Amino acid sequence: MEKNKESKEEGAPPIPQTGSSSLYARMSMLMHFLIFLYATAFWIQIGVMPFLSKQLGADPVMFGYMETVFAVAMLIGGPLFGRFGDLFGARSALIVAFASSFLTYAVLGVASSIPFLFLSRVFGFMMHAMHGAQMVMTDVSGTKERADALGKLGVSYGVGMVTGPFVGGYVTTYFSEQNAAMVAAGLCVIAIVTVVLMVPASTKSRESAMEQERQPQKDNGSVFDVKAISTLLSVDGVLQLIMMKTVVGIPAGVFHAMFAMVNIDRFELTPQTNGYLLSFIGIVTIVMQGFGVGYISKRYPDSITLRVSMIAMSISYLFLCFATRLYLLIVIMVPMVMSGSLLNTIANSAITKLVPEDSTGTSLGLSMATHSVIRTVSPTLGGYMYQWFGYPSFGMLGFVLIGLLAVYLNTGKRLKLN
């Protein structure tokens, strides 16, 4: 494959200037709209998939295999998607992301057997629209406002997260699960048309584009260039931040995987009450990403913010061990969710600042691959922990892992951030 030279062709949109207020405002509104569509479609599918699987004869074990295939596919696709975006531009990457989403939902919409369900999971390997939107916002934002720009995307995702189940439930009730999946596929078509018509061919800064032209030998243009992808891990601080996200994410992933079961067994919640609790967590996340991240990132260095977030998370997990009433769980979830949202957003922003501008997409892909790794192992690990050690083990896992990491980074190895 060769690099996309579309930005240089006659009639193509000019290469944007990083930090341009008009471009930033336009792309920000557009990315929020696209992420709303993406999240709405994704959460329609989340509601449809279990019922459709059961309808076609899949047992819980088979359903677990499907979700594992989905997580592994996205794990493999994440870095490749980022590499593709660096080579061919964020617009092309977003088109691929929504095309992948369309195929996933369309196959669900026509699924008549379990193999179709597995096929739909495989098509999701490039379903990284959030990653694509983060690439765009990284390109058009300066380093000071980058964390705020990335964090605010979570607000649109949160709105879609609320809208999707409502739309999916309505369509499923009055029509069918397959029709709900086709609605999700339709939203992806709208997104693809929007990207083609409104996103510039290149959102990289003029300086980055000129640097790439001056150093053509630096990149052979291959999406599957493993060496080029892995080279970013040797950049000071990048591997450290990715490992930090992984260590912090494991306890959160385990607890999230077992959250519904824990709520039913320990707190005796009904499905309705559990839904209210999830909505509350979603609201806290939206508030933090919409307002808290920007406020904090503009006032404190990334290194300090990351350390304080880890300390807050570790303490929250310790108190989680002793939560015996629902109101205690609600109180504990506030600092846990806020510090987790802050840490992930700041870490992603910090990684993009450490790597060259022409590699920000790949670096985000490597960073987001940690979520796929965690989703792959969390359900199994969480099930064993809950069966053999009980509810307090979730809090103790988070307290020990994140606490040791916080001590290590505060007294030993320092974070290498710009």
Foldseek 3Di string as FASTA:
>chain_A
DAFDPQCVDPPADHAAAAQPPVLLVQLLVLLLVLLLLLLLLVLLCVVLVVVLCVVQPHDPVLSLVLLLLLLVLQLVLLLLLLLCCLRFNLLVSLLLQLVLLLQLLLLLLVDNHVVSSSVSSNSNSSNPSLLSSLLLLLQRYDLLCSLLSNLLSLLSSLNSNVNNVVQSVVCCVVPRSSVSSNVSSVSSVVSNVCSVVRPGRHSHHPVLVVVCVVCVVVDPSDSPPVCVLCVLCVQAQLVVLLVLLLLLVQLVLQCVLCVVVCCCPQAVDDPVVVVVLVNLLSVLSNCLSNPVLSVVSNPDPLQVLLLVLLVLLLVLLQQQLVDRYPVSVSVSSNSNSNSSSNNLSSSLSQSLQRDRSSSSSSSSSSSCSSVSVSNNCNNVVSVVCCVPPNRSVSSVSSNVRSVVVSCCCVPHPDRDTD
